[in-house]
C-alpha atoms as a PDB file:
ATOM      1  CA  MET A   1       3.793 -16.027  -7.670  1.00  0.00           C
ATOM      2  CA  LEU A   2       3.759 -14.779  -4.077  1.00  0.00           C
ATOM      3  CA  ARG A   3       2.905 -11.218  -5.105  1.00  0.00           C
ATOM      4  CA  ASP A   4      -0.258 -12.317  -6.941  1.00  0.00           C
ATOM      5  CA  GLU A   5      -1.334 -14.405  -3.954  1.00  0.00           C
ATOM      6  CA  TYR A   6      -0.690 -11.486  -1.582  1.00  0.00           C
ATOM      7  CA  VAL A   7      -2.781  -9.113  -3.718  1.00  0.00           C
ATOM      8  CA  ALA A   8      -5.625 -11.640  -3.970  1.00  0.00           C
ATOM      9  CA  ARG A   9      -5.646 -12.211  -0.216  1.00  0.00           C
ATOM     10  CA  PHE A  10      -5.384  -8.483   0.495  1.00  0.00           C
ATOM     11  CA  ASN A  11      -8.397  -7.834  -1.737  1.00  0.00           C
ATOM     12  CA  GLU A  12     -10.280 -10.633   0.008  1.00  0.00           C
ATOM     13  CA  GLY A  13      -9.516  -8.963   3.333  1.00  0.00           C
ATOM     14  CA  VAL A  14     -10.863  -5.656   2.034  1.00  0.00           C
ATOM     15  CA  ARG A  15     -14.075  -7.357   0.864  1.00  0.00           C
ATOM     16  CA  THR A  16     -14.672  -9.501   3.954  1.00  0.00           C
ATOM     17  CA  GLY A  17     -12.780  -7.823   6.799  1.00  0.00           C
ATOM     18  CA  THR A  18     -10.962 -11.104   7.433  1.00  0.00           C
ATOM     19  CA  TRP A  19      -7.204 -10.687   7.130  1.00  0.00           C
ATOM     20  CA  SER A  20      -5.972 -14.088   8.339  1.00  0.00           C
ATOM     21  CA  GLY A  21      -5.355 -15.376   4.806  1.00  0.00           C
ATOM     22  CA  MET A  22      -3.098 -12.453   3.964  1.00  0.00           C
ATOM     23  CA  LEU A  23      -1.317 -12.599   7.318  1.00  0.00           C
ATOM     24  CA  GLU A  24      -0.396 -16.256   6.720  1.00  0.00           C
ATOM     25  CA  LEU A  25       1.900 -15.075   3.915  1.00  0.00           C
ATOM     26  CA  LEU A  26       3.918 -12.759   6.164  1.00  0.00           C
ATOM     27  CA  ASP A  27       7.154 -13.579   7.927  1.00  0.00           C
ATOM     28  CA  ASP A  28       6.944 -13.185  11.713  1.00  0.00           C
ATOM     29  CA  ASP A  29       9.236 -10.128  11.470  1.00  0.00           C
ATOM     30  CA  ALA A  30       7.666  -8.603   8.337  1.00  0.00           C
ATOM     31  CA  ASP A  31       7.959  -4.856   7.727  1.00  0.00           C
ATOM     32  CA  LEU A  32       5.538  -2.518   5.964  1.00  0.00           C
ATOM     33  CA  GLU A  33       7.050   0.583   4.343  1.00  0.00           C
ATOM     34  CA  PHE A  34       5.361   3.519   2.604  1.00  0.00           C
ATOM     35  CA  VAL A  35       7.587   5.657   0.378  1.00  0.00           C
ATOM     36  CA  GLY A  36       6.612   9.028  -1.097  1.00  0.00           C
ATOM     37  CA  ILE A  37       3.451   9.749   0.887  1.00  0.00           C
ATOM     38  CA  PRO A  38       3.061  13.483   1.546  1.00  0.00           C
ATOM     39  CA  SER A  39       2.751  14.325   5.213  1.00  0.00           C
ATOM     40  CA  GLY A  40       2.558  17.286   7.507  1.00  0.00           C
ATOM     41  CA  HIS A  41       0.507  20.382   6.836  1.00  0.00           C
ATOM     42  CA  SER A  42       0.231  19.846   3.080  1.00  0.00           C
ATOM     43  CA  VAL A  43      -3.179  18.200   3.552  1.00  0.00           C
ATOM     44  CA  GLY A  44      -4.884  21.553   4.195  1.00  0.00           C
ATOM     45  CA  ALA A  45      -3.102  23.130   1.254  1.00  0.00           C
ATOM     46  CA  ARG A  46      -4.303  20.409  -1.105  1.00  0.00           C
ATOM     47  CA  ARG A  47      -7.817  20.576   0.270  1.00  0.00           C
ATOM     48  CA  SER A  48      -8.125  24.277  -0.562  1.00  0.00           C
ATOM     49  CA  GLY A  49      -6.658  23.740  -4.030  1.00  0.00           C
ATOM     50  CA  ARG A  50      -9.205  21.104  -4.985  1.00  0.00           C
ATOM     51  CA  ARG A  51     -11.821  23.688  -5.826  1.00  0.00           C
ATOM     52  CA  SER A  52      -9.871  24.745  -8.896  1.00  0.00           C
ATOM     53  CA  ARG A  53      -8.409  21.465 -10.141  1.00  0.00           C
ATOM     54  CA  GLU A  54      -8.759  17.711 -10.023  1.00  0.00           C
ATOM     55  CA  PRO A  55      -7.536  16.057  -6.810  1.00  0.00           C
ATOM     56  CA  GLU A  56      -4.213  14.296  -6.845  1.00  0.00           C
ATOM     57  CA  ARG A  57      -4.516  10.591  -7.431  1.00  0.00           C
ATOM     58  CA  PRO A  58      -1.972   8.138  -6.080  1.00  0.00           C
ATOM     59  CA  ALA A  59      -0.298   5.821  -8.533  1.00  0.00           C
ATOM     60  CA  GLY A  60       2.376   3.521  -7.358  1.00  0.00           C
ATOM     61  CA  GLU A  61       4.153   0.248  -7.172  1.00  0.00           C
ATOM     62  CA  LEU A  62       4.029  -2.650  -4.757  1.00  0.00           C
ATOM     63  CA  GLN A  63       7.340  -4.326  -3.968  1.00  0.00           C
ATOM     64  CA  LEU A  64       7.714  -7.487  -1.912  1.00  0.00           C
ATOM     65  CA  GLU A  65      10.882  -8.987  -0.474  1.00  0.00           C
ATOM     66  CA  GLU A  66      10.760 -12.683   0.356  1.00  0.00           C
ATOM     67  CA  ARG A  67      12.525 -14.865   2.878  1.00  0.00           C
ATOM     68  CA  ASP A  68      12.018 -18.634   2.981  1.00  0.00           C
ATOM     69  CA  GLY A  69       8.857 -18.419   0.863  1.00  0.00           C
ATOM     70  CA  ARG A  70       7.184 -15.779   3.050  1.00  0.00           C
ATOM     71  CA  ILE A  71       6.939 -12.011   2.706  1.00  0.00           C
ATOM     72  CA  ARG A  72       9.646 -10.180   4.670  1.00  0.00           C
ATOM     73  CA  THR A  73       9.002  -6.611   3.472  1.00  0.00           C
ATOM     74  CA  ILE A  74       6.021  -4.948   1.821  1.00  0.00           C
ATOM     75  CA  ARG A  75       7.044  -1.644   0.247  1.00  0.00           C
ATOM     76  CA  VAL A  76       4.431   0.677  -1.256  1.00  0.00           C
ATOM     77  CA  LEU A  77       5.926   3.385  -3.484  1.00  0.00           C
ATOM     78  CA  TYR A  78       3.618   6.322  -4.160  1.00  0.00           C
ATOM     79  CA  GLU A  79       3.705   8.885  -6.922  1.00  0.00           C
ATOM     80  CA  PHE A  80       0.948  11.492  -7.057  1.00  0.00           C
ATOM     81  CA  THR A  81      -0.528  12.755 -10.306  1.00  0.00           C
ATOM     82  CA  SER A  82      -3.253  15.293 -10.961  1.00  0.00           C
END
């Protein structure tokens, strides 16, 4: 399955710093999308709130769209829990 191979090669890139194996799986026009990531000034607000509660932890889902056996879109969906 292409998703399993992508995750394995991504993890290898994290361990070694060599990303060529993962990049071989991507279509020349591949897109990377992040959905649900908080942005803006909320970072400071969360930082001050961490003294009284556990930090928010991202949990999410990885979605891949394929074209001709290569990855066309990588979509990372985030949901934050405390």
